[in-house]
Amino acid sequence: FYVPETDRWGEIPDMLNDHSGASAHEIDGHIYIVG
């Protein structure tokens, strides 16, 4: 993740599966990654 206010990158836990060329969207404050 990247926070523009502090110009810093950070890490969150790895996803459960490998994904490239996928799509991600935010809904109600949660991140969904698909396919």
Full PDB file with SEQRES, HELIX, SHEET, SSBOND, CRYST1, ORIGX, SCALE, CONECT and MASTER records, all heavy atoms in Angstrom:
SEQRES   1 A   35  PHE TYR VAL PRO GLU THR ASP ARG TRP GLY GLU ILE PRO          
SEQRES   2 A   35  ASP MET LEU ASN ASP HIS SER GLY ALA SER ALA HIS GLU          
SEQRES   3 A   35  ILE ASP GLY HIS ILE TYR ILE VAL GLY                          
SHEET    1 AA1 2 SER A  23  ILE A  27  0                                        
SHEET    2 AA1 2 HIS A  30  VAL A  34 -1                                        
CRYST1    1.000    1.000    1.000  90.00  90.00  90.00 P 1           1          
ORIGX1      1.000000  0.000000  0.000000        0.00000                         
ORIGX2      0.000000  1.000000  0.000000        0.00000                         
ORIGX3      0.000000  0.000000  1.000000        0.00000                         
SCALE1      1.000000  0.000000  0.000000        0.00000                         
SCALE2      0.000000  1.000000  0.000000        0.00000                         
SCALE3      0.000000  0.000000  1.000000        0.00000                         
ATOM      1  N   PHE A   1       0.841  -1.200   0.000  1.00  0.00           N  
ATOM      2  CA  PHE A   1       0.000   0.000   0.000  1.00  0.00           C  
ATOM      3  C   PHE A   1       0.875   1.247   0.000  1.00  0.00           C  
ATOM      4  O   PHE A   1       2.027   1.235   0.440  1.00  0.00           O  
ATOM      5  CB  PHE A   1      -0.946   0.008   1.197  1.00  0.00           C  
ATOM      6  CG  PHE A   1      -0.272   0.148   2.538  1.00  0.00           C  
ATOM      7  CD1 PHE A   1      -0.086   1.399   3.122  1.00  0.00           C  
ATOM      8  CD2 PHE A   1       0.195  -0.974   3.215  1.00  0.00           C  
ATOM      9  CE1 PHE A   1       0.536   1.529   4.357  1.00  0.00           C  
ATOM     10  CE2 PHE A   1       0.820  -0.860   4.451  1.00  0.00           C  
ATOM     11  CZ  PHE A   1       0.997   0.396   5.017  1.00  0.00           C  
ATOM     12  N   TYR A   2       0.306   2.334  -0.510  1.00  0.00           N  
ATOM     13  CA  TYR A   2       1.019   3.615  -0.607  1.00  0.00           C  
ATOM     14  C   TYR A   2       0.152   4.714  -0.015  1.00  0.00           C  
ATOM     15  O   TYR A   2      -1.037   4.824  -0.343  1.00  0.00           O  
ATOM     16  CB  TYR A   2       1.335   3.940  -2.062  1.00  0.00           C  
ATOM     17  CG  TYR A   2       1.955   5.296  -2.266  1.00  0.00           C  
ATOM     18  CD1 TYR A   2       3.277   5.540  -1.881  1.00  0.00           C  
ATOM     19  CD2 TYR A   2       1.220   6.331  -2.826  1.00  0.00           C  
ATOM     20  CE1 TYR A   2       3.843   6.784  -2.054  1.00  0.00           C  
ATOM     21  CE2 TYR A   2       1.782   7.586  -3.011  1.00  0.00           C  
ATOM     22  CZ  TYR A   2       3.097   7.809  -2.629  1.00  0.00           C  
ATOM     23  OH  TYR A   2       3.662   9.050  -2.797  1.00  0.00           O  
ATOM     24  N   VAL A   3       0.761   5.532   0.843  1.00  0.00           N  
ATOM     25  CA  VAL A   3       0.065   6.663   1.466  1.00  0.00           C  
ATOM     26  C   VAL A   3       0.666   7.955   0.900  1.00  0.00           C  
ATOM     27  O   VAL A   3       1.799   8.315   1.229  1.00  0.00           O  
ATOM     28  CB  VAL A   3       0.205   6.637   3.000  1.00  0.00           C  
ATOM     29  CG1 VAL A   3      -0.556   7.805   3.628  1.00  0.00           C  
ATOM     30  CG2 VAL A   3      -0.288   5.307   3.556  1.00  0.00           C  
ATOM     31  N   PRO A   4      -0.040   8.673   0.038  1.00  0.00           N  
ATOM     32  CA  PRO A   4       0.517   9.883  -0.565  1.00  0.00           C  
ATOM     33  C   PRO A   4       0.918  10.959   0.448  1.00  0.00           C  
ATOM     34  O   PRO A   4       1.897  11.675   0.249  1.00  0.00           O  
ATOM     35  CB  PRO A   4      -0.618  10.377  -1.464  1.00  0.00           C  
ATOM     36  CG  PRO A   4      -1.410   9.159  -1.775  1.00  0.00           C  
ATOM     37  CD  PRO A   4      -1.353   8.321  -0.532  1.00  0.00           C  
ATOM     38  N   GLU A   5       0.164  11.072   1.528  1.00  0.00           N  
ATOM     39  CA  GLU A   5       0.439  12.123   2.506  1.00  0.00           C  
ATOM     40  C   GLU A   5       1.843  12.005   3.084  1.00  0.00           C  
ATOM     41  O   GLU A   5       2.516  13.016   3.334  1.00  0.00           O  
ATOM     42  CB  GLU A   5      -0.599  12.072   3.625  1.00  0.00           C  
ATOM     43  CG  GLU A   5      -0.455  13.210   4.638  1.00  0.00           C  
ATOM     44  CD  GLU A   5      -1.535  13.170   5.695  1.00  0.00           C  
ATOM     45  OE1 GLU A   5      -2.356  12.226   5.694  1.00  0.00           O  
ATOM     46  OE2 GLU A   5      -1.561  14.096   6.525  1.00  0.00           O  
ATOM     47  N   THR A   6       2.307  10.783   3.298  1.00  0.00           N  
ATOM     48  CA  THR A   6       3.646  10.566   3.856  1.00  0.00           C  
ATOM     49  C   THR A   6       4.647  10.104   2.806  1.00  0.00           C  
ATOM     50  O   THR A   6       5.828   9.961   3.100  1.00  0.00           O  
ATOM     51  CB  THR A   6       3.589   9.513   4.977  1.00  0.00           C  
ATOM     52  OG1 THR A   6       3.066   8.280   4.449  1.00  0.00           O  
ATOM     53  CG2 THR A   6       2.690   9.990   6.112  1.00  0.00           C  
ATOM     54  N   ASP A   7       4.172   9.859   1.581  1.00  0.00           N  
ATOM     55  CA  ASP A   7       5.012   9.364   0.489  1.00  0.00           C  
ATOM     56  C   ASP A   7       5.750   8.092   0.898  1.00  0.00           C  
ATOM     57  O   ASP A   7       6.948   7.942   0.695  1.00  0.00           O  
ATOM     58  CB  ASP A   7       6.017  10.437   0.043  1.00  0.00           C  
ATOM     59  CG  ASP A   7       6.721  10.070  -1.262  1.00  0.00           C  
ATOM     60  OD1 ASP A   7       6.143   9.313  -2.064  1.00  0.00           O  
ATOM     61  OD2 ASP A   7       7.871  10.535  -1.465  1.00  0.00           O  
ATOM     62  N   ARG A   8       5.003   7.156   1.478  1.00  0.00           N  
ATOM     63  CA  ARG A   8       5.608   5.907   1.956  1.00  0.00           C  
ATOM     64  C   ARG A   8       4.809   4.701   1.466  1.00  0.00           C  
ATOM     65  O   ARG A   8       3.582   4.732   1.398  1.00  0.00           O  
ATOM     66  CB  ARG A   8       5.672   5.877   3.482  1.00  0.00           C  
ATOM     67  CG  ARG A   8       6.680   6.847   4.079  1.00  0.00           C  
ATOM     68  CD  ARG A   8       6.677   6.748   5.592  1.00  0.00           C  
ATOM     69  NE  ARG A   8       7.633   7.653   6.205  1.00  0.00           N  
ATOM     70  CZ  ARG A   8       8.906   7.363   6.422  1.00  0.00           C  
ATOM     71  NH1 ARG A   8       9.375   6.188   6.074  1.00  0.00           N  
ATOM     72  NH2 ARG A   8       9.713   8.250   6.974  1.00  0.00           N  
ATOM     73  N   TRP A   9       5.554   3.639   1.133  1.00  0.00           N  
ATOM     74  CA  TRP A   9       4.969   2.341   0.832  1.00  0.00           C  
ATOM     75  C   TRP A   9       5.079   1.431   2.050  1.00  0.00           C  
ATOM     76  O   TRP A   9       6.014   1.546   2.830  1.00  0.00           O  
ATOM     77  CB  TRP A   9       5.704   1.685  -0.335  1.00  0.00           C  
ATOM     78  CG  TRP A   9       5.396   2.262  -1.682  1.00  0.00           C  
ATOM     79  CD1 TRP A   9       6.094   3.254  -2.326  1.00  0.00           C  
ATOM     80  CD2 TRP A   9       4.332   1.888  -2.549  1.00  0.00           C  
ATOM     81  NE1 TRP A   9       5.525   3.511  -3.536  1.00  0.00           N  
ATOM     82  CE2 TRP A   9       4.434   2.683  -3.704  1.00  0.00           C  
ATOM     83  CE3 TRP A   9       3.296   0.948  -2.459  1.00  0.00           C  
ATOM     84  CZ2 TRP A   9       3.547   2.577  -4.768  1.00  0.00           C  
ATOM     85  CZ3 TRP A   9       2.407   0.841  -3.525  1.00  0.00           C  
ATOM     86  CH2 TRP A   9       2.539   1.644  -4.654  1.00  0.00           C  
ATOM     87  N   GLY A  10       4.123   0.538   2.177  1.00  0.00           N  
ATOM     88  CA  GLY A  10       4.157  -0.463   3.232  1.00  0.00           C  
ATOM     89  C   GLY A  10       3.606  -1.776   2.725  1.00  0.00           C  
ATOM     90  O   GLY A  10       3.073  -1.853   1.615  1.00  0.00           O  
ATOM     91  N   GLU A  11       3.734  -2.828   3.525  1.00  0.00           N  
ATOM     92  CA  GLU A  11       3.276  -4.152   3.135  1.00  0.00           C  
ATOM     93  C   GLU A  11       2.067  -4.575   3.962  1.00  0.00           C  
ATOM     94  O   GLU A  11       1.932  -4.185   5.125  1.00  0.00           O  
ATOM     95  CB  GLU A  11       4.386  -5.187   3.312  1.00  0.00           C  
ATOM     96  CG  GLU A  11       5.582  -4.973   2.404  1.00  0.00           C  
ATOM     97  CD  GLU A  11       6.616  -6.077   2.561  1.00  0.00           C  
ATOM     98  OE1 GLU A  11       6.425  -6.953   3.433  1.00  0.00           O  
ATOM     99  OE2 GLU A  11       7.605  -6.062   1.809  1.00  0.00           O  
ATOM    100  N   ILE A  12       1.203  -5.353   3.354  1.00  0.00           N  
ATOM    101  CA  ILE A  12       0.135  -6.030   4.069  1.00  0.00           C  
ATOM    102  C   ILE A  12       0.350  -7.536   3.844  1.00  0.00           C  
ATOM    103  O   ILE A  12       1.197  -7.929   3.033  1.00  0.00           O  
ATOM    104  CB  ILE A  12      -1.266  -5.595   3.583  1.00  0.00           C  
ATOM    105  CG1 ILE A  12      -1.454  -5.893   2.090  1.00  0.00           C  
ATOM    106  CG2 ILE A  12      -1.469  -4.105   3.859  1.00  0.00           C  
ATOM    107  CD1 ILE A  12      -2.850  -5.581   1.580  1.00  0.00           C  
ATOM    108  N   PRO A  13      -0.355  -8.402   4.564  1.00  0.00           N  
ATOM    109  CA  PRO A  13      -0.138  -9.843   4.379  1.00  0.00           C  
ATOM    110  C   PRO A  13      -0.318 -10.279   2.928  1.00  0.00           C  
ATOM    111  O   PRO A  13      -1.129  -9.713   2.189  1.00  0.00           O  
ATOM    112  CB  PRO A  13      -1.202 -10.470   5.284  1.00  0.00           C  
ATOM    113  CG  PRO A  13      -1.457  -9.441   6.336  1.00  0.00           C  
ATOM    114  CD  PRO A  13      -1.331  -8.124   5.637  1.00  0.00           C  
ATOM    115  N   ASP A  14       0.468 -11.272   2.526  1.00  0.00           N  
ATOM    116  CA  ASP A  14       0.321 -11.832   1.181  1.00  0.00           C  
ATOM    117  C   ASP A  14      -1.100 -12.328   0.966  1.00  0.00           C  
ATOM    118  O   ASP A  14      -1.775 -12.781   1.909  1.00  0.00           O  
ATOM    119  CB  ASP A  14       1.283 -13.009   0.978  1.00  0.00           C  
ATOM    120  CG  ASP A  14       2.724 -12.564   0.846  1.00  0.00           C  
ATOM    121  OD1 ASP A  14       2.979 -11.341   0.825  1.00  0.00           O  
ATOM    122  OD2 ASP A  14       3.587 -13.448   0.752  1.00  0.00           O  
ATOM    123  N   MET A  15      -1.525 -12.272  -0.280  1.00  0.00           N  
ATOM    124  CA  MET A  15      -2.828 -12.837  -0.630  1.00  0.00           C  
ATOM    125  C   MET A  15      -2.792 -14.363  -0.516  1.00  0.00           C  
ATOM    126  O   MET A  15      -1.715 -14.966  -0.434  1.00  0.00           O  
ATOM    127  CB  MET A  15      -3.209 -12.409  -2.049  1.00  0.00           C  
ATOM    128  CG  MET A  15      -3.420 -10.916  -2.194  1.00  0.00           C  
ATOM    129  SD  MET A  15      -3.913 -10.446  -3.881  1.00  0.00           S  
ATOM    130  CE  MET A  15      -2.370 -10.736  -4.771  1.00  0.00           C  
ATOM    131  N   LEU A  16      -3.942 -14.972  -0.518  1.00  0.00           N  
ATOM    132  CA  LEU A  16      -4.015 -16.427  -0.410  1.00  0.00           C  
ATOM    133  C   LEU A  16      -3.579 -17.117  -1.694  1.00  0.00           C  
ATOM    134  O   LEU A  16      -3.128 -18.262  -1.679  1.00  0.00           O  
ATOM    135  CB  LEU A  16      -5.444 -16.848  -0.070  1.00  0.00           C  
ATOM    136  CG  LEU A  16      -6.024 -16.247   1.212  1.00  0.00           C  
ATOM    137  CD1 LEU A  16      -7.478 -16.678   1.372  1.00  0.00           C  
ATOM    138  CD2 LEU A  16      -5.203 -16.672   2.422  1.00  0.00           C  
ATOM    139  N   ASN A  17      -3.718 -16.413  -2.821  1.00  0.00           N  
ATOM    140  CA  ASN A  17      -3.412 -16.996  -4.130  1.00  0.00           C  
ATOM    141  C   ASN A  17      -2.600 -16.013  -4.961  1.00  0.00           C  
ATOM    142  O   ASN A  17      -2.578 -14.806  -4.694  1.00  0.00           O  
ATOM    143  CB  ASN A  17      -4.715 -17.326  -4.884  1.00  0.00           C  
ATOM    144  CG  ASN A  17      -5.593 -18.287  -4.132  1.00  0.00           C  
ATOM    145  OD1 ASN A  17      -5.333 -19.489  -4.091  1.00  0.00           O  
ATOM    146  ND2 ASN A  17      -6.654 -17.767  -3.518  1.00  0.00           N  
ATOM    147  N   ASP A  18      -1.925 -16.550  -5.988  1.00  0.00           N  
ATOM    148  CA  ASP A  18      -1.247 -15.699  -6.961  1.00  0.00           C  
ATOM    149  C   ASP A  18      -2.281 -15.059  -7.875  1.00  0.00           C  
ATOM    150  O   ASP A  18      -3.243 -15.702  -8.294  1.00  0.00           O  
ATOM    151  CB  ASP A  18      -0.283 -16.531  -7.809  1.00  0.00           C  
ATOM    152  CG  ASP A  18       0.826 -17.166  -6.990  1.00  0.00           C  
ATOM    153  OD1 ASP A  18       1.211 -16.573  -5.977  1.00  0.00           O  
ATOM    154  OD2 ASP A  18       1.294 -18.253  -7.374  1.00  0.00           O  
ATOM    155  N   HIS A  19      -2.050 -13.778  -8.199  1.00  0.00           N  
ATOM    156  CA  HIS A  19      -2.929 -13.071  -9.125  1.00  0.00           C  
ATOM    157  C   HIS A  19      -2.099 -12.134 -10.001  1.00  0.00           C  
ATOM    158  O   HIS A  19      -1.302 -11.338  -9.483  1.00  0.00           O  
ATOM    159  CB  HIS A  19      -3.957 -12.204  -8.382  1.00  0.00           C  
ATOM    160  CG  HIS A  19      -4.982 -12.947  -7.606  1.00  0.00           C  
ATOM    161  ND1 HIS A  19      -6.163 -13.390  -8.155  1.00  0.00           N  
ATOM    162  CD2 HIS A  19      -5.012 -13.321  -6.304  1.00  0.00           C  
ATOM    163  CE1 HIS A  19      -6.886 -13.999  -7.228  1.00  0.00           C  
ATOM    164  NE2 HIS A  19      -6.207 -13.969  -6.084  1.00  0.00           N  
ATOM    165  N   SER A  20      -2.252 -12.222 -11.306  1.00  0.00           N  
ATOM    166  CA  SER A  20      -1.783 -11.167 -12.199  1.00  0.00           C  
ATOM    167  C   SER A  20      -2.858 -10.937 -13.244  1.00  0.00           C  
ATOM    168  O   SER A  20      -3.632 -11.843 -13.568  1.00  0.00           O  
ATOM    169  CB  SER A  20      -0.461 -11.548 -12.868  1.00  0.00           C  
ATOM    170  OG  SER A  20      -0.639 -12.617 -13.786  1.00  0.00           O  
ATOM    171  N   GLY A  21      -2.943  -9.706 -13.737  1.00  0.00           N  
ATOM    172  CA  GLY A  21      -4.005  -9.386 -14.677  1.00  0.00           C  
ATOM    173  C   GLY A  21      -5.386  -9.504 -14.074  1.00  0.00           C  
ATOM    174  O   GLY A  21      -6.367  -9.743 -14.787  1.00  0.00           O  
ATOM    175  N   ALA A  22      -5.470  -9.334 -12.767  1.00  0.00           N  
ATOM    176  CA  ALA A  22      -6.756  -9.433 -12.067  1.00  0.00           C  
ATOM    177  C   ALA A  22      -7.400  -8.050 -11.952  1.00  0.00           C  
ATOM    178  O   ALA A  22      -6.850  -7.041 -12.408  1.00  0.00           O  
ATOM    179  CB  ALA A  22      -6.543 -10.039 -10.682  1.00  0.00           C  
ATOM    180  N   SER A  23      -8.542  -7.997 -11.326  1.00  0.00           N  
ATOM    181  CA  SER A  23      -9.242  -6.741 -11.054  1.00  0.00           C  
ATOM    182  C   SER A  23      -9.489  -6.622  -9.559  1.00  0.00           C  
ATOM    183  O   SER A  23      -9.763  -7.625  -8.889  1.00  0.00           O  
ATOM    184  CB  SER A  23     -10.586  -6.685 -11.789  1.00  0.00           C  
ATOM    185  OG  SER A  23     -10.395  -6.716 -13.178  1.00  0.00           O  
ATOM    186  N   ALA A  24      -9.392  -5.395  -9.049  1.00  0.00           N  
ATOM    187  CA  ALA A  24      -9.634  -5.154  -7.623  1.00  0.00           C  
ATOM    188  C   ALA A  24     -10.560  -3.955  -7.460  1.00  0.00           C  
ATOM    189  O   ALA A  24     -10.481  -2.993  -8.234  1.00  0.00           O  
ATOM    190  CB  ALA A  24      -8.318  -4.914  -6.892  1.00  0.00           C  
ATOM    191  N   HIS A  25     -11.418  -4.033  -6.449  1.00  0.00           N  
ATOM    192  CA  HIS A  25     -12.351  -2.941  -6.178  1.00  0.00           C  
ATOM    193  C   HIS A  25     -12.554  -2.815  -4.674  1.00  0.00           C  
ATOM    194  O   HIS A  25     -12.426  -3.794  -3.929  1.00  0.00           O  
ATOM    195  CB  HIS A  25     -13.696  -3.192  -6.858  1.00  0.00           C  
ATOM    196  CG  HIS A  25     -13.619  -3.203  -8.352  1.00  0.00           C  
ATOM    197  ND1 HIS A  25     -13.593  -2.057  -9.100  1.00  0.00           N  
ATOM    198  CD2 HIS A  25     -13.517  -4.241  -9.220  1.00  0.00           C  
ATOM    199  CE1 HIS A  25     -13.496  -2.375 -10.382  1.00  0.00           C  
ATOM    200  NE2 HIS A  25     -13.450  -3.698 -10.468  1.00  0.00           N  
ATOM    201  N   GLU A  26     -12.893  -1.598  -4.277  1.00  0.00           N  
ATOM    202  CA  GLU A  26     -13.226  -1.331  -2.880  1.00  0.00           C  
ATOM    203  C   GLU A  26     -14.733  -1.288  -2.720  1.00  0.00           C  
ATOM    204  O   GLU A  26     -15.433  -0.620  -3.498  1.00  0.00           O  
ATOM    205  CB  GLU A  26     -12.625   0.003  -2.439  1.00  0.00           C  
ATOM    206  CG  GLU A  26     -12.956   0.405  -1.014  1.00  0.00           C  
ATOM    207  CD  GLU A  26     -14.267   1.184  -0.882  1.00  0.00           C  
ATOM    208  OE1 GLU A  26     -14.694   1.807  -1.883  1.00  0.00           O  
ATOM    209  OE2 GLU A  26     -14.880   1.146   0.202  1.00  0.00           O  
ATOM    210  N   ILE A  27     -15.251  -2.001  -1.751  1.00  0.00           N  
ATOM    211  CA  ILE A  27     -16.669  -1.960  -1.398  1.00  0.00           C  
ATOM    212  C   ILE A  27     -16.777  -1.919   0.111  1.00  0.00           C  
ATOM    213  O   ILE A  27     -16.254  -2.811   0.804  1.00  0.00           O  
ATOM    214  CB  ILE A  27     -17.437  -3.182  -1.948  1.00  0.00           C  
ATOM    215  CG1 ILE A  27     -17.350  -3.250  -3.480  1.00  0.00           C  
ATOM    216  CG2 ILE A  27     -18.901  -3.133  -1.502  1.00  0.00           C  
ATOM    217  CD1 ILE A  27     -18.012  -4.467  -4.079  1.00  0.00           C  
ATOM    218  N   ASP A  28     -17.403  -0.872   0.634  1.00  0.00           N  
ATOM    219  CA  ASP A  28     -17.616  -0.724   2.072  1.00  0.00           C  
ATOM    220  C   ASP A  28     -16.314  -0.855   2.857  1.00  0.00           C  
ATOM    221  O   ASP A  28     -16.265  -1.493   3.927  1.00  0.00           O  
ATOM    222  CB  ASP A  28     -18.632  -1.753   2.575  1.00  0.00           C  
ATOM    223  CG  ASP A  28     -20.031  -1.514   2.008  1.00  0.00           C  
ATOM    224  OD1 ASP A  28     -20.336  -0.349   1.686  1.00  0.00           O  
ATOM    225  OD2 ASP A  28     -20.791  -2.484   1.873  1.00  0.00           O  
ATOM    226  N   GLY A  29     -15.253  -0.276   2.317  1.00  0.00           N  
ATOM    227  CA  GLY A  29     -13.977  -0.277   3.020  1.00  0.00           C  
ATOM    228  C   GLY A  29     -13.189  -1.563   2.919  1.00  0.00           C  
ATOM    229  O   GLY A  29     -12.117  -1.684   3.519  1.00  0.00           O  
ATOM    230  N   HIS A  30     -13.682  -2.553   2.167  1.00  0.00           N  
ATOM    231  CA  HIS A  30     -12.990  -3.818   1.984  1.00  0.00           C  
ATOM    232  C   HIS A  30     -12.472  -3.918   0.551  1.00  0.00           C  
ATOM    233  O   HIS A  30     -13.067  -3.368  -0.379  1.00  0.00           O  
ATOM    234  CB  HIS A  30     -13.917  -4.999   2.275  1.00  0.00           C  
ATOM    235  CG  HIS A  30     -14.341  -5.089   3.702  1.00  0.00           C  
ATOM    236  ND1 HIS A  30     -15.265  -4.227   4.260  1.00  0.00           N  
ATOM    237  CD2 HIS A  30     -13.973  -5.935   4.695  1.00  0.00           C  
ATOM    238  CE1 HIS A  30     -15.450  -4.540   5.539  1.00  0.00           C  
ATOM    239  NE2 HIS A  30     -14.675  -5.572   5.828  1.00  0.00           N  
ATOM    240  N   ILE A  31     -11.371  -4.629   0.379  1.00  0.00           N  
ATOM    241  CA  ILE A  31     -10.766  -4.823  -0.935  1.00  0.00           C  
ATOM    242  C   ILE A  31     -11.123  -6.211  -1.459  1.00  0.00           C  
ATOM    243  O   ILE A  31     -10.917  -7.213  -0.760  1.00  0.00           O  
ATOM    244  CB  ILE A  31      -9.232  -4.677  -0.867  1.00  0.00           C  
ATOM    245  CG1 ILE A  31      -8.856  -3.264  -0.413  1.00  0.00           C  
ATOM    246  CG2 ILE A  31      -8.588  -5.007  -2.207  1.00  0.00           C  
ATOM    247  CD1 ILE A  31      -7.387  -3.118  -0.078  1.00  0.00           C  
ATOM    248  N   TYR A  32     -11.632  -6.253  -2.670  1.00  0.00           N  
ATOM    249  CA  TYR A  32     -11.938  -7.519  -3.332  1.00  0.00           C  
ATOM    250  C   TYR A  32     -11.061  -7.639  -4.579  1.00  0.00           C  
ATOM    251  O   TYR A  32     -10.997  -6.706  -5.387  1.00  0.00           O  
ATOM    252  CB  TYR A  32     -13.410  -7.585  -3.732  1.00  0.00           C  
ATOM    253  CG  TYR A  32     -14.354  -7.646  -2.563  1.00  0.00           C  
ATOM    254  CD1 TYR A  32     -14.756  -6.482  -1.904  1.00  0.00           C  
ATOM    255  CD2 TYR A  32     -14.835  -8.862  -2.089  1.00  0.00           C  
ATOM    256  CE1 TYR A  32     -15.608  -6.534  -0.812  1.00  0.00           C  
ATOM    257  CE2 TYR A  32     -15.703  -8.917  -1.002  1.00  0.00           C  
ATOM    258  CZ  TYR A  32     -16.077  -7.751  -0.372  1.00  0.00           C  
ATOM    259  OH  TYR A  32     -16.933  -7.794   0.718  1.00  0.00           O  
ATOM    260  N   ILE A  33     -10.371  -8.762  -4.726  1.00  0.00           N  
ATOM    261  CA  ILE A  33      -9.607  -9.045  -5.933  1.00  0.00           C  
ATOM    262  C   ILE A  33     -10.199 -10.283  -6.593  1.00  0.00           C  
ATOM    263  O   ILE A  33     -10.507 -11.277  -5.925  1.00  0.00           O  
ATOM    264  CB  ILE A  33      -8.103  -9.213  -5.643  1.00  0.00           C  
ATOM    265  CG1 ILE A  33      -7.327  -9.402  -6.971  1.00  0.00           C  
ATOM    266  CG2 ILE A  33      -7.823 -10.333  -4.659  1.00  0.00           C  
ATOM    267  CD1 ILE A  33      -5.836  -9.271  -6.824  1.00  0.00           C  
ATOM    268  N   VAL A  34     -10.353 -10.200  -7.919  1.00  0.00           N  
ATOM    269  CA  VAL A  34     -11.117 -11.224  -8.642  1.00  0.00           C  
ATOM    270  C   VAL A  34     -10.316 -11.720  -9.840  1.00  0.00           C  
ATOM    271  O   VAL A  34      -9.844 -10.923 -10.661  1.00  0.00           O  
ATOM    272  CB  VAL A  34     -12.461 -10.650  -9.133  1.00  0.00           C  
ATOM    273  CG1 VAL A  34     -13.244 -11.700  -9.904  1.00  0.00           C  
ATOM    274  CG2 VAL A  34     -13.277 -10.113  -7.968  1.00  0.00           C  
ATOM    275  N   GLY A  35     -10.173 -13.035  -9.946  1.00  0.00           N  
ATOM    276  CA  GLY A  35      -9.680 -13.675 -11.149  1.00  0.00           C  
ATOM    277  C   GLY A  35      -8.246 -13.337 -11.505  1.00  0.00           C  
ATOM    278  O   GLY A  35      -7.395 -13.109 -10.645  1.00  0.00           O  
TER     279      GLY A  35                                                      
MASTER        0    0    0    0    2    0    0    6  278    1    0    3          
END                                                                             
